[in-house]
Amino acid sequence: MGNIGATEIVIIVFILVLLFGGKKIPELAKGIGEGIRSFKKGMKGDETDETKK
């Protein structure tokens, strides 16, 4: 697939800003971060007592 250089990253970020707008990108990043955190927590088995009943 090859290495991604700085030029490619700049182009991808520019396209994301055009598609979603500057205000939506932090919200998207926050949602992705929360999803990853939730996934990791689920994989560890740190679920609440509700699932153990």
Protein backbone atom coordinates (compact mmCIF):
# COMPACT_ATOMS: atom_id res chain seq x y z
CA MET A 1 0.00 0.00 0.00
CA GLY A 2 2.94 2.29 0.57
CA ASN A 3 3.83 4.99 3.02
CA ILE A 4 1.61 8.00 3.51
CA GLY A 5 3.58 11.23 3.31
CA ALA A 6 2.91 14.70 4.60
CA THR A 7 1.35 15.82 1.31
CA GLU A 8 -1.20 13.02 1.39
CA ILE A 9 -2.13 13.78 5.01
CA VAL A 10 -2.66 17.46 4.17
CA ILE A 11 -4.90 16.53 1.24
CA ILE A 12 -6.96 14.13 3.39
CA VAL A 13 -7.41 16.75 6.13
CA PHE A 14 -8.41 19.35 3.55
CA ILE A 15 -11.04 17.02 2.08
CA LEU A 16 -12.39 16.22 5.56
CA VAL A 17 -12.73 19.93 6.34
CA LEU A 18 -14.56 20.47 3.06
CA LEU A 19 -16.93 17.55 3.67
CA PHE A 20 -17.73 18.02 7.35
CA GLY A 21 -16.80 21.61 8.13
CA GLY A 22 -14.43 22.83 10.81
CA LYS A 23 -16.95 22.55 13.64
CA LYS A 24 -17.91 18.92 13.03
CA ILE A 25 -14.40 17.44 13.03
CA PRO A 26 -13.82 17.78 16.82
CA GLU A 27 -17.24 16.21 17.44
CA LEU A 28 -16.38 13.30 15.13
CA ALA A 29 -13.01 12.80 16.83
CA LYS A 30 -14.67 12.82 20.27
CA GLY A 31 -17.21 10.24 19.14
CA ILE A 32 -14.50 8.00 17.70
CA GLY A 33 -12.46 8.29 20.91
CA GLU A 34 -15.44 7.37 23.07
CA GLY A 35 -16.20 4.41 20.83
CA ILE A 36 -12.64 3.12 21.03
CA ARG A 37 -12.61 3.58 24.82
CA SER A 38 -15.88 1.70 25.13
CA PHE A 39 -14.61 -1.09 22.90
CA LYS A 40 -11.42 -1.50 24.93
CA LYS A 41 -13.40 -1.51 28.16
CA GLY A 42 -15.68 -4.20 26.76
CA MET A 43 -12.74 -6.32 25.64
CA LYS A 44 -11.22 -6.19 29.12
CA GLY A 45 -14.47 -7.38 30.65
CA ASP A 46 -14.89 -4.29 32.83
CA GLU A 47 -18.62 -4.29 32.32
CA THR A 48 -20.98 -3.15 35.02
CA ASP A 49 -22.75 -5.54 37.39
CA GLU A 50 -25.85 -5.41 35.18
CA THR A 51 -24.27 -7.81 32.69
CA LYS A 52 -23.23 -10.25 35.43
CA LYS A 53 -26.81 -10.87 36.63
